[in-house]
Amino acid sequence: MSDLDTLLDDVVAVERGVVNEVIKEEREVVNEVLNVEREVVKDFKLLEQTLEEDLVSFSRGFTVFKDQVRG
């Protein structure tokens, strides 16, 4: 009977270890995803700003890139 108790204790200990590792890995993955998301948002805002600087608008619905305007 004590062998079964020892085995059960070992299984419980391993299970806790696995759960803790999964939780740790999950946190790391979430942090990485959040970092990538921040970088994508930052890159998108930079791209948006660059495009806005390259646009010229003559009236509503008539906007072109500056390099398309002769002058």
C-alpha atoms as a PDB file:
ATOM      1  CA  MET A   1       0.000   0.000   0.000  1.00  0.00           C
ATOM      2  CA  SER A   2       2.818   2.427   0.756  1.00  0.00           C
ATOM      3  CA  ASP A   3       4.202   1.868  -2.759  1.00  0.00           C
ATOM      4  CA  LEU A   4       0.892   3.079  -4.177  1.00  0.00           C
ATOM      5  CA  ASP A   5       0.939   6.088  -1.875  1.00  0.00           C
ATOM      6  CA  THR A   6       4.473   6.907  -2.973  1.00  0.00           C
ATOM      7  CA  LEU A   7       3.510   6.459  -6.611  1.00  0.00           C
ATOM      8  CA  LEU A   8       0.496   8.736  -6.172  1.00  0.00           C
ATOM      9  CA  ASP A   9       2.665  11.366  -4.483  1.00  0.00           C
ATOM     10  CA  ASP A  10       5.128  11.144  -7.368  1.00  0.00           C
ATOM     11  CA  VAL A  11       2.353  11.496  -9.957  1.00  0.00           C
ATOM     12  CA  VAL A  12       0.912  14.513  -8.147  1.00  0.00           C
ATOM     13  CA  ALA A  13       4.359  16.135  -7.932  1.00  0.00           C
ATOM     14  CA  VAL A  14       5.012  15.551 -11.643  1.00  0.00           C
ATOM     15  CA  GLU A  15       1.560  16.902 -12.516  1.00  0.00           C
ATOM     16  CA  ARG A  16       2.208  20.084 -10.519  1.00  0.00           C
ATOM     17  CA  GLY A  17       5.557  20.488 -12.237  1.00  0.00           C
ATOM     18  CA  VAL A  18       3.995  20.083 -15.668  1.00  0.00           C
ATOM     19  CA  VAL A  19       1.215  22.551 -14.854  1.00  0.00           C
ATOM     20  CA  ASN A  20       3.763  25.091 -13.578  1.00  0.00           C
ATOM     21  CA  GLU A  21       5.853  24.701 -16.747  1.00  0.00           C
ATOM     22  CA  VAL A  22       2.792  25.122 -18.962  1.00  0.00           C
ATOM     23  CA  ILE A  23       1.799  28.275 -17.075  1.00  0.00           C
ATOM     24  CA  LYS A  24       5.350  29.629 -17.393  1.00  0.00           C
ATOM     25  CA  GLU A  25       5.455  28.902 -21.132  1.00  0.00           C
ATOM     26  CA  GLU A  26       2.009  30.445 -21.600  1.00  0.00           C
ATOM     27  CA  ARG A  27       3.161  33.672 -19.938  1.00  0.00           C
ATOM     28  CA  GLU A  28       6.235  33.781 -22.142  1.00  0.00           C
ATOM     29  CA  VAL A  29       4.161  33.259 -25.285  1.00  0.00           C
ATOM     30  CA  VAL A  30       1.685  35.962 -24.232  1.00  0.00           C
ATOM     31  CA  ASN A  31       4.556  38.380 -23.596  1.00  0.00           C
ATOM     32  CA  GLU A  32       6.085  37.617 -26.983  1.00  0.00           C
ATOM     33  CA  VAL A  33       2.739  38.128 -28.733  1.00  0.00           C
ATOM     34  CA  LEU A  34       2.259  41.453 -26.943  1.00  0.00           C
ATOM     35  CA  ASN A  35       5.772  42.545 -27.942  1.00  0.00           C
ATOM     36  CA  VAL A  36       5.125  41.643 -31.567  1.00  0.00           C
ATOM     37  CA  GLU A  37       1.772  43.448 -31.445  1.00  0.00           C
ATOM     38  CA  ARG A  38       3.446  46.611 -30.103  1.00  0.00           C
ATOM     39  CA  GLU A  39       6.053  46.468 -32.864  1.00  0.00           C
ATOM     40  CA  VAL A  40       3.411  45.982 -35.562  1.00  0.00           C
ATOM     41  CA  VAL A  41       1.364  48.924 -34.236  1.00  0.00           C
ATOM     42  CA  LYS A  42       4.500  51.082 -34.087  1.00  0.00           C
ATOM     43  CA  ASP A  43       5.480  50.112 -37.641  1.00  0.00           C
ATOM     44  CA  PHE A  44       1.946  50.734 -38.897  1.00  0.00           C
ATOM     45  CA  LYS A  45       1.846  54.209 -37.341  1.00  0.00           C
ATOM     46  CA  LEU A  46       5.217  55.044 -38.893  1.00  0.00           C
ATOM     47  CA  LEU A  47       4.018  53.817 -42.282  1.00  0.00           C
ATOM     48  CA  GLU A  48       0.786  55.779 -41.935  1.00  0.00           C
ATOM     49  CA  GLN A  49       2.713  58.943 -41.046  1.00  0.00           C
ATOM     50  CA  THR A  50       5.089  58.454 -43.974  1.00  0.00           C
ATOM     51  CA  LEU A  51       2.208  57.960 -46.394  1.00  0.00           C
ATOM     52  CA  GLU A  52       0.383  61.023 -45.079  1.00  0.00           C
ATOM     53  CA  GLU A  53       3.519  63.109 -45.597  1.00  0.00           C
ATOM     54  CA  ASP A  54       3.704  61.877 -49.192  1.00  0.00           C
ATOM     55  CA  LEU A  55       0.091  62.790 -50.008  1.00  0.00           C
ATOM     56  CA  VAL A  56      -1.302  66.059 -51.280  1.00  0.00           C
ATOM     57  CA  SER A  57      -5.030  66.778 -51.348  1.00  0.00           C
ATOM     58  CA  PHE A  58      -6.694  69.203 -53.728  1.00  0.00           C
ATOM     59  CA  SER A  59     -10.252  68.607 -52.623  1.00  0.00           C
ATOM     60  CA  ARG A  60     -12.401  65.910 -51.114  1.00  0.00           C
ATOM     61  CA  GLY A  61     -11.886  62.728 -53.046  1.00  0.00           C
ATOM     62  CA  PHE A  62      -8.916  64.086 -54.995  1.00  0.00           C
ATOM     63  CA  THR A  63      -5.743  63.116 -53.187  1.00  0.00           C
ATOM     64  CA  VAL A  64      -2.556  61.986 -54.884  1.00  0.00           C
ATOM     65  CA  PHE A  65       1.031  61.232 -53.980  1.00  0.00           C
ATOM     66  CA  LYS A  66       3.314  64.280 -54.141  1.00  0.00           C
ATOM     67  CA  ASP A  67       5.513  62.651 -56.770  1.00  0.00           C
ATOM     68  CA  GLN A  68       2.492  62.496 -59.092  1.00  0.00           C
ATOM     69  CA  VAL A  69       2.092  66.295 -59.040  1.00  0.00           C
ATOM     70  CA  ARG A  70       4.042  68.205 -61.651  1.00  0.00           C
ATOM     71  CA  GLY A  71       5.086  71.601 -60.700  1.00  0.00           C
END
